[in-house]
N, C-alpha and C. Protein backbone atom coordinates (compact mmCIF):
# COMPACT_ATOMS: atom_id res chain seq x y z
N MET A 1 53.99 -4.29 -20.39
CA MET A 1 54.29 -4.04 -19.01
C MET A 1 55.72 -4.50 -18.74
N ARG A 2 56.53 -3.60 -18.19
CA ARG A 2 57.94 -3.91 -17.97
C ARG A 2 58.29 -3.89 -16.48
N ILE A 3 59.14 -4.82 -16.13
CA ILE A 3 59.72 -4.87 -14.80
C ILE A 3 61.23 -4.88 -15.03
N CYS A 4 61.93 -3.87 -14.52
CA CYS A 4 63.34 -3.72 -14.85
C CYS A 4 64.17 -3.42 -13.61
N LEU A 5 65.16 -4.25 -13.37
CA LEU A 5 66.16 -3.99 -12.34
C LEU A 5 67.40 -3.44 -13.03
N GLN A 6 67.80 -2.24 -12.65
CA GLN A 6 68.97 -1.60 -13.23
C GLN A 6 70.23 -2.07 -12.51
N GLY A 7 71.27 -2.26 -13.29
CA GLY A 7 72.56 -2.61 -12.71
C GLY A 7 73.30 -1.36 -12.28
N SER A 8 74.36 -1.53 -11.53
CA SER A 8 75.12 -0.38 -11.05
C SER A 8 76.05 0.18 -12.13
N LYS A 9 76.32 -0.58 -13.18
CA LYS A 9 77.14 -0.10 -14.28
C LYS A 9 76.23 0.39 -15.41
N ILE A 10 76.69 1.37 -16.14
CA ILE A 10 75.90 1.95 -17.22
C ILE A 10 75.53 0.86 -18.23
N GLY A 11 74.25 0.81 -18.57
CA GLY A 11 73.76 -0.14 -19.57
C GLY A 11 73.36 -1.50 -19.03
N GLU A 12 73.73 -1.81 -17.79
CA GLU A 12 73.36 -3.11 -17.24
C GLU A 12 71.91 -3.08 -16.77
N HIS A 13 71.18 -4.14 -17.11
CA HIS A 13 69.79 -4.26 -16.66
C HIS A 13 69.30 -5.69 -16.82
N PHE A 14 68.23 -5.96 -16.11
CA PHE A 14 67.52 -7.24 -16.17
C PHE A 14 66.06 -6.85 -16.34
N GLN A 15 65.47 -7.18 -17.48
CA GLN A 15 64.12 -6.69 -17.77
C GLN A 15 63.21 -7.82 -18.23
N ILE A 16 62.02 -7.84 -17.65
CA ILE A 16 60.97 -8.77 -18.06
C ILE A 16 59.86 -7.93 -18.68
N GLU A 17 59.49 -8.26 -19.91
CA GLU A 17 58.38 -7.58 -20.59
C GLU A 17 57.23 -8.57 -20.72
N LEU A 18 56.14 -8.25 -20.05
CA LEU A 18 54.94 -9.09 -20.09
C LEU A 18 53.91 -8.44 -21.00
N PRO A 19 53.17 -9.24 -21.75
CA PRO A 19 52.13 -8.65 -22.61
C PRO A 19 50.99 -8.08 -21.77
N GLU A 20 50.35 -7.06 -22.31
CA GLU A 20 49.16 -6.55 -21.63
C GLU A 20 48.10 -7.64 -21.66
N ARG A 21 47.34 -7.70 -20.63
CA ARG A 21 46.31 -8.74 -20.49
C ARG A 21 45.39 -8.77 -21.71
N THR A 22 45.05 -7.60 -22.24
CA THR A 22 44.12 -7.52 -23.36
C THR A 22 44.75 -7.94 -24.68
N LYS A 23 46.08 -8.06 -24.73
CA LYS A 23 46.75 -8.41 -25.98
C LYS A 23 47.13 -9.88 -26.06
N ILE A 24 46.75 -10.66 -25.07
CA ILE A 24 47.05 -12.08 -25.10
C ILE A 24 45.95 -12.77 -25.88
N ALA A 25 46.35 -13.46 -26.93
CA ALA A 25 45.37 -14.12 -27.80
C ALA A 25 44.65 -15.23 -27.05
N GLY A 26 43.35 -15.24 -27.17
CA GLY A 26 42.56 -16.32 -26.57
C GLY A 26 42.70 -16.37 -25.07
N ASP A 27 41.88 -15.65 -24.38
CA ASP A 27 41.96 -15.57 -22.92
C ASP A 27 42.01 -16.93 -22.25
N ARG A 28 41.69 -17.97 -22.97
CA ARG A 28 41.61 -19.29 -22.36
C ARG A 28 42.91 -19.73 -21.72
N ASP A 29 44.04 -19.31 -22.25
CA ASP A 29 45.29 -19.82 -21.68
C ASP A 29 46.29 -18.71 -21.36
N TRP A 30 45.79 -17.58 -20.90
CA TRP A 30 46.71 -16.48 -20.58
C TRP A 30 47.66 -16.87 -19.47
N ASP A 31 47.23 -17.72 -18.56
CA ASP A 31 48.14 -18.30 -17.57
C ASP A 31 47.64 -19.70 -17.29
N ASP A 32 48.26 -20.67 -17.92
CA ASP A 32 47.82 -22.06 -17.82
C ASP A 32 48.50 -22.81 -16.68
N GLY A 33 49.05 -22.08 -15.73
CA GLY A 33 49.77 -22.72 -14.63
C GLY A 33 51.26 -22.82 -14.89
N TYR A 34 51.65 -22.66 -16.15
CA TYR A 34 53.06 -22.70 -16.51
C TYR A 34 53.62 -21.30 -16.72
N GLY A 35 52.79 -20.31 -16.56
CA GLY A 35 53.25 -18.95 -16.64
C GLY A 35 52.80 -18.22 -17.89
N ILE A 36 53.07 -16.95 -17.89
CA ILE A 36 52.77 -16.07 -19.01
C ILE A 36 54.05 -15.94 -19.83
N LEU A 37 53.93 -16.08 -21.12
CA LEU A 37 55.12 -15.99 -21.96
C LEU A 37 55.57 -14.54 -22.06
N ALA A 38 56.80 -14.30 -21.67
CA ALA A 38 57.34 -12.94 -21.59
C ALA A 38 58.66 -12.88 -22.35
N ARG A 39 59.11 -11.65 -22.58
CA ARG A 39 60.43 -11.42 -23.18
C ARG A 39 61.38 -11.04 -22.05
N LEU A 40 62.52 -11.67 -22.04
CA LEU A 40 63.53 -11.42 -21.02
C LEU A 40 64.75 -10.81 -21.70
N THR A 41 65.22 -9.69 -21.17
CA THR A 41 66.42 -9.05 -21.69
C THR A 41 67.41 -8.91 -20.54
N ILE A 42 68.62 -9.36 -20.77
CA ILE A 42 69.67 -9.26 -19.75
C ILE A 42 70.89 -8.61 -20.38
N ALA A 43 71.40 -7.59 -19.72
CA ALA A 43 72.66 -6.97 -20.10
C ALA A 43 73.47 -6.88 -18.81
N ALA A 44 74.42 -7.79 -18.65
CA ALA A 44 75.23 -7.84 -17.43
C ALA A 44 76.65 -8.21 -17.82
N GLY A 45 77.56 -7.26 -17.64
CA GLY A 45 78.94 -7.51 -18.05
C GLY A 45 79.01 -7.75 -19.54
N CYS A 46 79.61 -8.85 -19.95
CA CYS A 46 79.71 -9.14 -21.38
C CYS A 46 78.51 -9.93 -21.90
N LEU A 47 77.56 -10.26 -21.04
CA LEU A 47 76.36 -10.99 -21.46
C LEU A 47 75.29 -10.01 -21.91
N HIS A 48 74.85 -10.18 -23.14
CA HIS A 48 73.73 -9.41 -23.68
C HIS A 48 72.82 -10.42 -24.35
N ALA A 49 71.65 -10.65 -23.76
CA ALA A 49 70.75 -11.67 -24.29
C ALA A 49 69.32 -11.18 -24.27
N GLN A 50 68.58 -11.60 -25.29
CA GLN A 50 67.15 -11.37 -25.33
C GLN A 50 66.50 -12.71 -25.65
N LEU A 51 65.61 -13.14 -24.78
CA LEU A 51 64.94 -14.42 -24.96
C LEU A 51 63.45 -14.17 -24.99
N ASP A 52 62.81 -14.64 -26.03
CA ASP A 52 61.36 -14.53 -26.15
C ASP A 52 60.73 -15.80 -25.60
N GLU A 53 59.51 -15.66 -25.15
CA GLU A 53 58.70 -16.78 -24.69
C GLU A 53 59.31 -17.53 -23.50
N ILE A 54 59.74 -16.77 -22.52
CA ILE A 54 60.16 -17.34 -21.24
C ILE A 54 58.94 -17.31 -20.33
N PRO A 55 58.51 -18.45 -19.79
CA PRO A 55 57.34 -18.42 -18.91
C PRO A 55 57.64 -17.74 -17.58
N VAL A 56 56.77 -16.80 -17.22
CA VAL A 56 56.88 -16.09 -15.95
C VAL A 56 55.60 -16.38 -15.16
N VAL A 57 55.76 -16.85 -13.94
CA VAL A 57 54.63 -17.24 -13.10
C VAL A 57 54.22 -16.06 -12.23
N PRO A 58 53.01 -15.52 -12.44
CA PRO A 58 52.60 -14.33 -11.68
C PRO A 58 52.67 -14.51 -10.17
N ASP A 59 52.19 -15.61 -9.64
CA ASP A 59 52.22 -15.79 -8.18
C ASP A 59 53.63 -15.76 -7.64
N ALA A 60 54.60 -16.31 -8.38
CA ALA A 60 56.00 -16.25 -7.95
C ALA A 60 56.52 -14.81 -7.99
N LEU A 61 56.05 -14.02 -8.97
CA LEU A 61 56.42 -12.60 -9.03
C LEU A 61 55.84 -11.83 -7.85
N TYR A 62 54.60 -12.14 -7.48
CA TYR A 62 53.97 -11.45 -6.34
C TYR A 62 54.74 -11.74 -5.06
N TYR A 63 55.17 -12.99 -4.89
CA TYR A 63 55.96 -13.36 -3.72
C TYR A 63 57.30 -12.64 -3.73
N PHE A 64 57.94 -12.57 -4.92
CA PHE A 64 59.19 -11.84 -5.07
C PHE A 64 58.99 -10.38 -4.68
N ARG A 65 57.89 -9.77 -5.14
CA ARG A 65 57.60 -8.37 -4.81
C ARG A 65 57.49 -8.16 -3.30
N ASP A 66 56.81 -9.05 -2.62
CA ASP A 66 56.66 -8.93 -1.17
C ASP A 66 58.03 -9.00 -0.47
N GLN A 67 58.87 -9.90 -0.92
CA GLN A 67 60.20 -10.01 -0.34
C GLN A 67 61.06 -8.80 -0.69
N LEU A 68 60.94 -8.31 -1.93
CA LEU A 68 61.71 -7.14 -2.36
C LEU A 68 61.29 -5.90 -1.58
N THR A 69 60.01 -5.81 -1.26
CA THR A 69 59.52 -4.69 -0.45
C THR A 69 60.20 -4.69 0.92
N ARG A 70 60.31 -5.86 1.52
CA ARG A 70 61.01 -5.96 2.82
C ARG A 70 62.49 -5.59 2.67
N CYS A 71 63.11 -6.06 1.60
CA CYS A 71 64.52 -5.70 1.36
C CYS A 71 64.67 -4.19 1.23
N TYR A 72 63.75 -3.55 0.54
CA TYR A 72 63.79 -2.11 0.34
C TYR A 72 63.61 -1.36 1.67
N GLU A 73 62.68 -1.82 2.47
CA GLU A 73 62.39 -1.15 3.74
C GLU A 73 63.50 -1.36 4.77
N TRP A 74 64.08 -2.55 4.82
CA TRP A 74 65.05 -2.88 5.85
C TRP A 74 66.50 -2.81 5.36
N LEU A 75 66.69 -2.72 4.04
CA LEU A 75 68.03 -2.73 3.44
C LEU A 75 68.83 -3.97 3.85
N GLN A 76 68.11 -5.07 3.96
CA GLN A 76 68.74 -6.35 4.23
C GLN A 76 67.81 -7.46 3.77
N GLY A 77 68.34 -8.65 3.64
CA GLY A 77 67.53 -9.79 3.26
C GLY A 77 67.72 -10.19 1.81
N GLU A 78 66.81 -11.03 1.35
CA GLU A 78 66.88 -11.56 -0.01
C GLU A 78 65.48 -11.73 -0.56
N ALA A 79 65.31 -11.43 -1.84
CA ALA A 79 64.05 -11.64 -2.55
C ALA A 79 64.33 -12.65 -3.66
N ARG A 80 63.49 -13.71 -3.71
CA ARG A 80 63.72 -14.78 -4.68
C ARG A 80 62.51 -14.97 -5.58
N TYR A 81 62.76 -15.08 -6.87
CA TYR A 81 61.76 -15.52 -7.84
C TYR A 81 62.11 -16.95 -8.16
N GLN A 82 61.27 -17.87 -7.68
CA GLN A 82 61.56 -19.29 -7.86
C GLN A 82 60.24 -20.03 -8.05
N PRO A 83 59.79 -20.14 -9.29
CA PRO A 83 58.51 -20.83 -9.53
C PRO A 83 58.64 -22.32 -9.21
N LEU A 84 57.51 -22.94 -8.95
CA LEU A 84 57.51 -24.35 -8.59
C LEU A 84 57.41 -25.27 -9.80
N ILE A 85 57.23 -24.68 -10.98
CA ILE A 85 57.17 -25.49 -12.19
C ILE A 85 58.58 -25.83 -12.64
N GLU A 86 58.69 -26.56 -13.74
CA GLU A 86 60.01 -26.84 -14.30
C GLU A 86 60.66 -25.51 -14.61
N GLU A 87 61.58 -25.12 -13.81
CA GLU A 87 62.12 -23.77 -13.86
C GLU A 87 62.90 -23.51 -15.12
N GLU A 88 62.53 -22.44 -15.81
CA GLU A 88 63.35 -21.94 -16.91
C GLU A 88 64.06 -20.69 -16.45
N LEU A 89 63.48 -19.99 -15.49
CA LEU A 89 64.06 -18.74 -15.01
C LEU A 89 63.97 -18.72 -13.49
N GLU A 90 65.09 -18.44 -12.87
CA GLU A 90 65.15 -18.20 -11.43
C GLU A 90 66.07 -17.01 -11.23
N PHE A 91 65.74 -16.16 -10.27
CA PHE A 91 66.64 -15.06 -9.94
C PHE A 91 66.37 -14.60 -8.52
N SER A 92 67.34 -13.90 -7.97
CA SER A 92 67.19 -13.36 -6.62
C SER A 92 68.00 -12.08 -6.49
N VAL A 93 67.56 -11.26 -5.55
CA VAL A 93 68.28 -10.06 -5.18
C VAL A 93 68.64 -10.21 -3.70
N ARG A 94 69.92 -10.18 -3.41
CA ARG A 94 70.41 -10.28 -2.03
C ARG A 94 71.04 -8.95 -1.65
N MET A 95 70.56 -8.37 -0.57
CA MET A 95 71.12 -7.10 -0.12
C MET A 95 72.50 -7.36 0.46
N THR A 96 73.44 -6.47 0.14
CA THR A 96 74.80 -6.64 0.63
C THR A 96 75.09 -5.60 1.71
N GLN A 97 75.31 -4.36 1.35
CA GLN A 97 75.58 -3.33 2.36
C GLN A 97 75.17 -1.96 1.83
N GLN A 98 74.77 -1.10 2.71
CA GLN A 98 74.47 0.29 2.42
C GLN A 98 73.57 0.47 1.19
N GLY A 99 72.49 -0.32 1.13
CA GLY A 99 71.54 -0.18 0.05
C GLY A 99 71.94 -0.84 -1.26
N LYS A 100 73.05 -1.53 -1.27
CA LYS A 100 73.51 -2.22 -2.47
C LYS A 100 72.94 -3.63 -2.47
N GLY A 101 72.82 -4.18 -3.66
CA GLY A 101 72.30 -5.53 -3.78
C GLY A 101 73.02 -6.28 -4.89
N MET A 102 72.87 -7.59 -4.87
CA MET A 102 73.46 -8.44 -5.90
C MET A 102 72.32 -9.25 -6.52
N LEU A 103 72.13 -9.07 -7.83
CA LEU A 103 71.15 -9.82 -8.59
C LEU A 103 71.86 -11.02 -9.20
N THR A 104 71.39 -12.21 -8.91
CA THR A 104 71.94 -13.42 -9.51
C THR A 104 70.78 -14.22 -10.09
N GLY A 105 71.07 -14.98 -11.11
CA GLY A 105 70.01 -15.77 -11.71
C GLY A 105 70.52 -16.82 -12.66
N CYS A 106 69.58 -17.59 -13.16
CA CYS A 106 69.88 -18.69 -14.05
C CYS A 106 68.70 -18.87 -15.02
N ILE A 107 69.03 -19.10 -16.27
CA ILE A 107 68.04 -19.42 -17.28
C ILE A 107 68.39 -20.81 -17.80
N ARG A 108 67.38 -21.67 -17.87
CA ARG A 108 67.58 -23.01 -18.40
C ARG A 108 66.56 -23.27 -19.50
N LYS A 109 67.00 -23.82 -20.59
CA LYS A 109 66.11 -24.30 -21.65
C LYS A 109 66.47 -25.76 -21.83
N ILE A 110 65.49 -26.63 -21.68
CA ILE A 110 65.81 -28.06 -21.76
C ILE A 110 64.95 -28.82 -22.77
N HIS A 111 64.08 -28.12 -23.47
CA HIS A 111 63.15 -28.82 -24.35
C HIS A 111 63.80 -29.33 -25.63
N VAL A 112 64.58 -28.53 -26.29
CA VAL A 112 65.20 -28.93 -27.55
C VAL A 112 66.66 -29.30 -27.30
N GLU A 113 67.40 -28.34 -26.87
CA GLU A 113 68.79 -28.56 -26.51
C GLU A 113 68.98 -28.02 -25.10
N THR A 114 69.86 -28.60 -24.38
CA THR A 114 70.11 -28.12 -23.03
C THR A 114 70.93 -26.84 -23.11
N MET A 115 70.44 -25.81 -22.42
CA MET A 115 71.15 -24.54 -22.34
C MET A 115 71.02 -24.06 -20.90
N ARG A 116 72.09 -23.57 -20.36
CA ARG A 116 72.08 -23.01 -19.02
C ARG A 116 72.96 -21.77 -19.02
N VAL A 117 72.38 -20.65 -18.62
CA VAL A 117 73.11 -19.40 -18.55
C VAL A 117 72.92 -18.83 -17.15
N GLU A 118 74.01 -18.55 -16.49
CA GLU A 118 73.96 -17.91 -15.18
C GLU A 118 74.43 -16.47 -15.34
N PHE A 119 73.84 -15.58 -14.55
CA PHE A 119 74.22 -14.18 -14.64
C PHE A 119 74.25 -13.57 -13.24
N GLU A 120 74.97 -12.45 -13.15
CA GLU A 120 75.12 -11.75 -11.87
C GLU A 120 75.42 -10.29 -12.17
N MET A 121 74.82 -9.41 -11.40
CA MET A 121 75.15 -7.99 -11.53
C MET A 121 74.81 -7.28 -10.24
N GLU A 122 75.54 -6.22 -9.99
CA GLU A 122 75.27 -5.39 -8.82
C GLU A 122 74.11 -4.45 -9.13
N THR A 123 73.32 -4.16 -8.12
CA THR A 123 72.20 -3.23 -8.24
C THR A 123 72.10 -2.47 -6.92
N ASP A 124 71.09 -1.62 -6.80
CA ASP A 124 70.87 -0.96 -5.51
C ASP A 124 69.37 -0.70 -5.34
N GLN A 125 69.02 -0.28 -4.14
CA GLN A 125 67.61 -0.16 -3.79
C GLN A 125 66.89 0.95 -4.54
N SER A 126 67.59 1.81 -5.24
CA SER A 126 66.93 2.93 -5.93
C SER A 126 65.99 2.46 -7.04
N CYS A 127 66.22 1.28 -7.62
CA CYS A 127 65.33 0.80 -8.68
C CYS A 127 64.20 -0.08 -8.14
N PHE A 128 64.20 -0.40 -6.85
CA PHE A 128 63.19 -1.29 -6.30
C PHE A 128 61.77 -0.72 -6.37
N PRO A 129 61.55 0.57 -6.05
CA PRO A 129 60.17 1.07 -6.09
C PRO A 129 59.49 0.88 -7.45
N SER A 130 60.20 1.10 -8.55
CA SER A 130 59.57 0.93 -9.86
C SER A 130 59.28 -0.54 -10.14
N VAL A 131 60.13 -1.45 -9.65
CA VAL A 131 59.88 -2.88 -9.81
C VAL A 131 58.65 -3.27 -9.01
N ILE A 132 58.57 -2.81 -7.78
CA ILE A 132 57.42 -3.11 -6.91
C ILE A 132 56.14 -2.57 -7.53
N GLN A 133 56.17 -1.34 -8.03
CA GLN A 133 54.98 -0.74 -8.66
C GLN A 133 54.60 -1.50 -9.93
N GLY A 134 55.59 -1.93 -10.70
CA GLY A 134 55.31 -2.69 -11.92
C GLY A 134 54.62 -4.01 -11.62
N ILE A 135 55.06 -4.69 -10.57
CA ILE A 135 54.43 -5.96 -10.20
C ILE A 135 53.04 -5.70 -9.62
N ASP A 136 52.88 -4.61 -8.87
CA ASP A 136 51.54 -4.23 -8.38
C ASP A 136 50.58 -4.03 -9.56
N ALA A 137 51.04 -3.31 -10.59
CA ALA A 137 50.20 -3.06 -11.77
C ALA A 137 49.87 -4.37 -12.49
N LEU A 138 50.85 -5.25 -12.58
CA LEU A 138 50.62 -6.56 -13.19
C LEU A 138 49.54 -7.32 -12.43
N GLU A 139 49.67 -7.32 -11.11
CA GLU A 139 48.70 -8.05 -10.29
C GLU A 139 47.30 -7.46 -10.47
N GLU A 140 47.21 -6.16 -10.49
CA GLU A 140 45.91 -5.51 -10.67
C GLU A 140 45.30 -5.89 -12.01
N GLU A 141 46.10 -5.85 -13.07
CA GLU A 141 45.60 -6.15 -14.41
C GLU A 141 45.21 -7.62 -14.57
N TYR A 142 46.05 -8.52 -14.09
CA TYR A 142 45.80 -9.93 -14.30
C TYR A 142 44.77 -10.53 -13.34
N ARG A 143 44.74 -10.06 -12.13
CA ARG A 143 43.76 -10.60 -11.17
C ARG A 143 42.35 -10.07 -11.42
N ALA A 144 42.25 -8.93 -12.08
CA ALA A 144 40.95 -8.32 -12.33
C ALA A 144 40.07 -9.20 -13.20
N VAL A 145 40.66 -10.07 -13.97
CA VAL A 145 39.88 -10.89 -14.90
C VAL A 145 39.75 -12.34 -14.45
N GLN A 146 40.27 -12.67 -13.32
CA GLN A 146 40.18 -14.06 -12.86
C GLN A 146 38.81 -14.35 -12.30
């Protein structure tokens, strides 16, 4: 399952790939409160990164989706993904003008070595419907088994 925000420049994107619910080994810990381990791919400007096993918190994604829906409908505001756990990933989309938006975020890894990467890219509301639908599908799949 993919959630992808496209950048305004060719090749730029921010993508979260979550495993299908049925492919997570041992249903016992598919979401242990620290999130679902996902693959994150970022291509923004000169930054090209792929990180495996980044925890993504479904409830924080659902909240982000609700805020992104308002941004899409009103073409203003901000949508934030900000889990309450020890954050490894935070990002937000802030609407700027005429359907344009700015995606900013930060990835932190602090368990072995400290790493902090900040990123930013322009986007627009045209990619929001697929992101909203992707999170809807995620919610349907993951909540169905709770």
